[in-house]
């Protein structure tokens, strides 16, 4: 009846307000990035612990979507970083992976030392990315996947913001894919903390 309809309308409105809020936040982040004023609150942290915490809530979301998540985290990955910002990066990569991984798929998060860097890889068994699209992923407003009609995407600023956060840490971000249908890996590297 009327009440149910009103309830649905209210929920939809709340969702849209939340989404607008999210979009405005992203645009502000980008403005800060481009002005060089994105603040990072860095301190010594163990990246594996930060990742494990981010994974905690994500695992349930993934499971609800029929996607299994597996983690392989090397213990005591010491870095200098902003835990909140790195969690933001992680959520972005996990949500991305989830968005493009069909039910029954698989996401693996792998973190370990490689020389002087801590490297994190988020690998999915999703729809994959064309070679020529990979570069564009980290540009502002990139919506490479939109042509694939699967979008519930938002601004296409997420990966650009991730890139800014990681570059602010002296790190970098990249993506690899065997091509359409072959899944993708989003990876980032951060300098190890100098003891």
C-alpha atoms as a PDB file:
ATOM      1  CA  UNK A   1       0.000   0.000   0.000  1.00  0.00           C
ATOM      2  CA  UNK A   2       0.848   3.653   0.370  1.00  0.00           C
ATOM      3  CA  UNK A   3       3.138   3.171   3.320  1.00  0.00           C
ATOM      4  CA  UNK A   4       5.296   0.588   1.585  1.00  0.00           C
ATOM      5  CA  UNK A   5       5.530   2.854  -1.436  1.00  0.00           C
ATOM      6  CA  UNK A   6       6.562   5.780   0.736  1.00  0.00           C
ATOM      7  CA  UNK A   7       9.114   3.646   2.524  1.00  0.00           C
ATOM      8  CA  UNK A   8      10.628   2.583  -0.823  1.00  0.00           C
ATOM      9  CA  UNK A   9      10.730   6.178  -2.061  1.00  0.00           C
ATOM     10  CA  UNK A  10      12.441   7.290   1.156  1.00  0.00           C
ATOM     11  CA  UNK A  11      15.018   4.498   0.916  1.00  0.00           C
ATOM     12  CA  UNK A  12      15.735   5.370  -2.686  1.00  0.00           C
ATOM     13  CA  UNK A  13      16.160   9.017  -1.769  1.00  0.00           C
ATOM     14  CA  UNK A  14      18.540   8.141   1.066  1.00  0.00           C
ATOM     15  CA  UNK A  15      20.579   5.969  -1.259  1.00  0.00           C
ATOM     16  CA  UNK A  16      20.797   8.748  -3.826  1.00  0.00           C
ATOM     17  CA  UNK A  17      21.785  11.307  -1.205  1.00  0.00           C
ATOM     18  CA  UNK A  18      24.473   8.926   0.004  1.00  0.00           C
ATOM     19  CA  UNK A  19      25.664   8.421  -3.539  1.00  0.00           C
ATOM     20  CA  UNK A  20      25.748  12.173  -4.190  1.00  0.00           C
ATOM     21  CA  UNK A  21      27.667  12.600  -0.944  1.00  0.00           C
ATOM     22  CA  UNK A  22      30.124   9.976  -2.134  1.00  0.00           C
ATOM     23  CA  UNK A  23      30.517  11.669  -5.518  1.00  0.00           C
ATOM     24  CA  UNK A  24      31.119  15.058  -3.909  1.00  0.00           C
ATOM     25  CA  UNK A  25      33.722  13.521  -1.603  1.00  0.00           C
ATOM     26  CA  UNK A  26      35.463  11.991  -4.611  1.00  0.00           C
ATOM     27  CA  UNK A  27      35.454  15.285  -6.497  1.00  0.00           C
ATOM     28  CA  UNK A  28      36.914  17.059  -3.469  1.00  0.00           C
ATOM     29  CA  UNK A  29      39.608  14.389  -3.200  1.00  0.00           C
ATOM     30  CA  UNK A  30      40.512  14.927  -6.833  1.00  0.00           C
ATOM     31  CA  UNK A  31      40.642  18.687  -6.359  1.00  0.00           C
ATOM     32  CA  UNK A  32      42.996  18.163  -3.412  1.00  0.00           C
ATOM     33  CA  UNK A  33      45.132  15.743  -5.399  1.00  0.00           C
ATOM     34  CA  UNK A  34      45.450  18.140  -8.284  1.00  0.00           C
ATOM     35  CA  UNK A  35      46.270  21.015  -5.944  1.00  0.00           C
ATOM     36  CA  UNK A  36      48.816  18.855  -4.144  1.00  0.00           C
ATOM     37  CA  UNK A  37      47.007  19.268  -0.833  1.00  0.00           C
ATOM     38  CA  UNK A  38      45.815  15.723  -0.182  1.00  0.00           C
ATOM     39  CA  UNK A  39      46.866  15.206   3.432  1.00  0.00           C
ATOM     40  CA  UNK A  40      48.452  11.932   4.441  1.00  0.00           C
ATOM     41  CA  UNK A  41      48.777  11.120   8.089  1.00  0.00           C
ATOM     42  CA  UNK A  42      51.697   8.708   7.940  1.00  0.00           C
ATOM     43  CA  UNK A  43      53.076   6.564  10.696  1.00  0.00           C
ATOM     44  CA  UNK A  44      54.710   3.153  11.090  1.00  0.00           C
ATOM     45  CA  UNK A  45      52.249   0.360  10.400  1.00  0.00           C
ATOM     46  CA  UNK A  46      52.080  -3.291   9.493  1.00  0.00           C
ATOM     47  CA  UNK A  47      50.409  -3.435   6.119  1.00  0.00           C
ATOM     48  CA  UNK A  48      49.272  -7.033   6.604  1.00  0.00           C
ATOM     49  CA  UNK A  49      47.278  -6.040   9.710  1.00  0.00           C
ATOM     50  CA  UNK A  50      45.721  -3.053   7.920  1.00  0.00           C
ATOM     51  CA  UNK A  51      44.756  -5.289   4.987  1.00  0.00           C
ATOM     52  CA  UNK A  52      43.384  -8.034   7.217  1.00  0.00           C
ATOM     53  CA  UNK A  53      41.132  -5.453   8.857  1.00  0.00           C
ATOM     54  CA  UNK A  54      39.885  -4.131   5.516  1.00  0.00           C
ATOM     55  CA  UNK A  55      39.201  -7.713   4.387  1.00  0.00           C
ATOM     56  CA  UNK A  56      37.163  -8.483   7.479  1.00  0.00           C
ATOM     57  CA  UNK A  57      34.031  -6.571   6.473  1.00  0.00           C
ATOM     58  CA  UNK A  58      34.582  -7.088   2.751  1.00  0.00           C
ATOM     59  CA  UNK A  59      34.513 -10.868   2.956  1.00  0.00           C
ATOM     60  CA  UNK A  60      30.845 -10.861   3.976  1.00  0.00           C
ATOM     61  CA  UNK A  61      29.884  -8.553   1.117  1.00  0.00           C
ATOM     62  CA  UNK A  62      31.714 -10.784  -1.342  1.00  0.00           C
ATOM     63  CA  UNK A  63      30.138 -13.937   0.029  1.00  0.00           C
ATOM     64  CA  UNK A  64      26.692 -12.365  -0.284  1.00  0.00           C
ATOM     65  CA  UNK A  65      27.558 -11.834  -3.966  1.00  0.00           C
ATOM     66  CA  UNK A  66      28.641 -15.457  -4.393  1.00  0.00           C
ATOM     67  CA  UNK A  67      32.340 -14.635  -4.635  1.00  0.00           C
ATOM     68  CA  UNK A  68      34.988 -16.341  -2.498  1.00  0.00           C
ATOM     69  CA  UNK A  69      37.873 -14.285  -1.145  1.00  0.00           C
ATOM     70  CA  UNK A  70      41.227 -15.736  -0.277  1.00  0.00           C
ATOM     71  CA  UNK A  71      44.089 -13.882   1.435  1.00  0.00           C
ATOM     72  CA  UNK A  72      47.792 -14.628   1.510  1.00  0.00           C
ATOM     73  CA  UNK A  73      49.370 -11.999   3.712  1.00  0.00           C
ATOM     74  CA  UNK A  74      53.005 -12.169   4.707  1.00  0.00           C
ATOM     75  CA  UNK A  75      53.224 -11.152   8.380  1.00  0.00           C
ATOM     76  CA  UNK A  76      54.993  -7.986   9.560  1.00  0.00           C
ATOM     77  CA  UNK A  77      54.977  -6.028   6.315  1.00  0.00           C
ATOM     78  CA  UNK A  78      56.304  -2.846   7.879  1.00  0.00           C
ATOM     79  CA  UNK A  79      55.756   0.414   6.014  1.00  0.00           C
ATOM     80  CA  UNK A  80      55.285   4.115   6.757  1.00  0.00           C
ATOM     81  CA  UNK A  81      51.739   4.884   5.794  1.00  0.00           C
ATOM     82  CA  UNK A  82      48.347   6.402   6.392  1.00  0.00           C
ATOM     83  CA  UNK A  83      46.228   3.457   7.505  1.00  0.00           C
ATOM     84  CA  UNK A  84      42.922   5.183   6.709  1.00  0.00           C
ATOM     85  CA  UNK A  85      44.021   6.143   3.204  1.00  0.00           C
ATOM     86  CA  UNK A  86      45.480   2.718   2.460  1.00  0.00           C
ATOM     87  CA  UNK A  87      42.228   1.131   3.635  1.00  0.00           C
ATOM     88  CA  UNK A  88      40.427   3.446   1.201  1.00  0.00           C
ATOM     89  CA  UNK A  89      42.699   2.181  -1.601  1.00  0.00           C
ATOM     90  CA  UNK A  90      42.023  -1.395  -0.594  1.00  0.00           C
ATOM     91  CA  UNK A  91      38.243  -0.948  -0.541  1.00  0.00           C
ATOM     92  CA  UNK A  92      38.399   0.624  -3.950  1.00  0.00           C
ATOM     93  CA  UNK A  93      40.340  -2.284  -5.432  1.00  0.00           C
ATOM     94  CA  UNK A  94      38.171  -4.889  -3.710  1.00  0.00           C
ATOM     95  CA  UNK A  95      34.917  -3.241  -4.801  1.00  0.00           C
ATOM     96  CA  UNK A  96      36.246  -3.002  -8.318  1.00  0.00           C
ATOM     97  CA  UNK A  97      37.194  -6.656  -8.344  1.00  0.00           C
ATOM     98  CA  UNK A  98      33.793  -7.601  -6.962  1.00  0.00           C
ATOM     99  CA  UNK A  99      31.921  -5.471  -9.478  1.00  0.00           C
ATOM    100  CA  UNK A 100      33.457  -7.347 -12.391  1.00  0.00           C
ATOM    101  CA  UNK A 101      33.591 -10.859 -10.966  1.00  0.00           C
ATOM    102  CA  UNK A 102      30.559 -13.042 -11.650  1.00  0.00           C
ATOM    103  CA  UNK A 103      28.955 -15.311  -9.054  1.00  0.00           C
ATOM    104  CA  UNK A 104      31.069 -18.353  -8.367  1.00  0.00           C
ATOM    105  CA  UNK A 105      34.165 -16.267  -9.010  1.00  0.00           C
ATOM    106  CA  UNK A 106      37.195 -15.797  -6.866  1.00  0.00           C
ATOM    107  CA  UNK A 107      39.235 -12.860  -5.535  1.00  0.00           C
ATOM    108  CA  UNK A 108      42.715 -13.366  -4.119  1.00  0.00           C
ATOM    109  CA  UNK A 109      44.578 -10.782  -2.071  1.00  0.00           C
ATOM    110  CA  UNK A 110      48.258 -11.373  -1.870  1.00  0.00           C
ATOM    111  CA  UNK A 111      50.756  -9.195   0.046  1.00  0.00           C
ATOM    112  CA  UNK A 112      54.469  -9.760   0.500  1.00  0.00           C
ATOM    113  CA  UNK A 113      57.933  -8.252   0.375  1.00  0.00           C
ATOM    114  CA  UNK A 114      59.689  -7.896  -2.951  1.00  0.00           C
ATOM    115  CA  UNK A 115      63.108  -6.379  -2.376  1.00  0.00           C
ATOM    116  CA  UNK A 116      62.714  -2.916  -0.895  1.00  0.00           C
ATOM    117  CA  UNK A 117      58.970  -2.826  -1.434  1.00  0.00           C
ATOM    118  CA  UNK A 118      55.804  -4.268   0.002  1.00  0.00           C
ATOM    119  CA  UNK A 119      53.635  -5.412  -2.904  1.00  0.00           C
ATOM    120  CA  UNK A 120      49.898  -6.070  -2.724  1.00  0.00           C
ATOM    121  CA  UNK A 121      47.978  -7.818  -5.504  1.00  0.00           C
ATOM    122  CA  UNK A 122      44.210  -8.104  -5.815  1.00  0.00           C
ATOM    123  CA  UNK A 123      43.454 -10.725  -8.458  1.00  0.00           C
ATOM    124  CA  UNK A 124      39.976 -11.548  -9.716  1.00  0.00           C
ATOM    125  CA  UNK A 125      38.493 -14.129 -12.065  1.00  0.00           C
ATOM    126  CA  UNK A 126      36.261 -11.478 -13.619  1.00  0.00           C
ATOM    127  CA  UNK A 127      35.670 -10.061 -17.093  1.00  0.00           C
ATOM    128  CA  UNK A 128      39.241  -8.868 -17.658  1.00  0.00           C
ATOM    129  CA  UNK A 129      40.487  -5.704 -19.340  1.00  0.00           C
ATOM    130  CA  UNK A 130      41.721  -4.970 -22.841  1.00  0.00           C
ATOM    131  CA  UNK A 131      45.391  -4.000 -23.097  1.00  0.00           C
ATOM    132  CA  UNK A 132      44.645  -0.529 -24.489  1.00  0.00           C
ATOM    133  CA  UNK A 133      42.173   0.181 -21.687  1.00  0.00           C
ATOM    134  CA  UNK A 134      44.573  -0.551 -18.836  1.00  0.00           C
ATOM    135  CA  UNK A 135      46.466   2.740 -19.166  1.00  0.00           C
ATOM    136  CA  UNK A 136      43.251   4.768 -19.083  1.00  0.00           C
ATOM    137  CA  UNK A 137      42.055   3.165 -15.863  1.00  0.00           C
ATOM    138  CA  UNK A 138      44.095   5.481 -13.674  1.00  0.00           C
ATOM    139  CA  UNK A 139      43.118   8.696 -15.465  1.00  0.00           C
ATOM    140  CA  UNK A 140      40.403  10.881 -13.925  1.00  0.00           C
ATOM    141  CA  UNK A 141      36.837  10.061 -15.019  1.00  0.00           C
ATOM    142  CA  UNK A 142      37.944   6.863 -16.682  1.00  0.00           C
ATOM    143  CA  UNK A 143      35.006   4.538 -17.150  1.00  0.00           C
ATOM    144  CA  UNK A 144      36.598   1.906 -19.273  1.00  0.00           C
ATOM    145  CA  UNK A 145      34.163  -0.759 -18.183  1.00  0.00           C
ATOM    146  CA  UNK A 146      31.070   1.277 -19.020  1.00  0.00           C
ATOM    147  CA  UNK A 147      30.923   0.007 -22.548  1.00  0.00           C
ATOM    148  CA  UNK A 148      30.357  -3.421 -21.059  1.00  0.00           C
ATOM    149  CA  UNK A 149      26.892  -2.477 -19.808  1.00  0.00           C
ATOM    150  CA  UNK A 150      27.612  -3.657 -16.284  1.00  0.00           C
ATOM    151  CA  UNK A 151      27.999  -0.350 -14.682  1.00  0.00           C
ATOM    152  CA  UNK A 152      26.804   0.771 -11.310  1.00  0.00           C
ATOM    153  CA  UNK A 153      29.934   2.708 -11.283  1.00  0.00           C
ATOM    154  CA  UNK A 154      29.933   6.198  -9.892  1.00  0.00           C
ATOM    155  CA  UNK A 155      32.425   8.746 -11.121  1.00  0.00           C
ATOM    156  CA  UNK A 156      35.292   6.691 -12.446  1.00  0.00           C
ATOM    157  CA  UNK A 157      37.536   8.602 -10.051  1.00  0.00           C
ATOM    158  CA  UNK A 158      38.278   5.818  -7.610  1.00  0.00           C
ATOM    159  CA  UNK A 159      41.416   4.453  -9.254  1.00  0.00           C
ATOM    160  CA  UNK A 160      42.742   7.920  -9.970  1.00  0.00           C
ATOM    161  CA  UNK A 161      42.365   8.740  -6.270  1.00  0.00           C
ATOM    162  CA  UNK A 162      44.082   5.453  -5.366  1.00  0.00           C
ATOM    163  CA  UNK A 163      46.948   6.408  -7.635  1.00  0.00           C
ATOM    164  CA  UNK A 164      47.258   9.797  -5.917  1.00  0.00           C
ATOM    165  CA  UNK A 165      47.242   8.255  -2.453  1.00  0.00           C
ATOM    166  CA  UNK A 166      49.902   5.707  -3.397  1.00  0.00           C
ATOM    167  CA  UNK A 167      52.107   8.226  -5.176  1.00  0.00           C
ATOM    168  CA  UNK A 168      51.855  10.356  -2.028  1.00  0.00           C
ATOM    169  CA  UNK A 169      53.354   7.360  -0.199  1.00  0.00           C
ATOM    170  CA  UNK A 170      56.194   7.098  -2.698  1.00  0.00           C
ATOM    171  CA  UNK A 171      54.480   4.043  -4.164  1.00  0.00           C
ATOM    172  CA  UNK A 172      52.769   3.144  -7.414  1.00  0.00           C
ATOM    173  CA  UNK A 173      49.742   1.284  -8.723  1.00  0.00           C
ATOM    174  CA  UNK A 174      49.241  -0.752 -11.880  1.00  0.00           C
ATOM    175  CA  UNK A 175      46.941  -3.296 -13.474  1.00  0.00           C
ATOM    176  CA  UNK A 176      47.515  -6.464 -15.487  1.00  0.00           C
ATOM    177  CA  UNK A 177      45.077  -8.612 -17.424  1.00  0.00           C
ATOM    178  CA  UNK A 178      45.381 -11.404 -19.934  1.00  0.00           C
ATOM    179  CA  UNK A 179      42.508  -9.698 -21.769  1.00  0.00           C
ATOM    180  CA  UNK A 180      38.706  -9.934 -21.905  1.00  0.00           C
ATOM    181  CA  UNK A 181      37.368 -12.894 -19.939  1.00  0.00           C
ATOM    182  CA  UNK A 182      40.701 -13.622 -18.278  1.00  0.00           C
ATOM    183  CA  UNK A 183      40.353 -11.727 -15.019  1.00  0.00           C
ATOM    184  CA  UNK A 184      42.569  -8.896 -13.844  1.00  0.00           C
ATOM    185  CA  UNK A 185      45.125  -8.053 -11.210  1.00  0.00           C
ATOM    186  CA  UNK A 186      45.364  -4.652  -9.587  1.00  0.00           C
ATOM    187  CA  UNK A 187      48.600  -4.229  -7.699  1.00  0.00           C
ATOM    188  CA  UNK A 188      50.356  -1.577  -5.703  1.00  0.00           C
ATOM    189  CA  UNK A 189      53.815  -1.272  -4.221  1.00  0.00           C
ATOM    190  CA  UNK A 190      54.953   0.780  -1.254  1.00  0.00           C
ATOM    191  CA  UNK A 191      58.481   1.368   0.029  1.00  0.00           C
ATOM    192  CA  UNK A 192      59.342  -0.712   3.087  1.00  0.00           C
ATOM    193  CA  UNK A 193      59.867   1.166   6.318  1.00  0.00           C
ATOM    194  CA  UNK A 194      63.512   1.830   6.923  1.00  0.00           C
ATOM    195  CA  UNK A 195      64.163   0.226  10.287  1.00  0.00           C
END
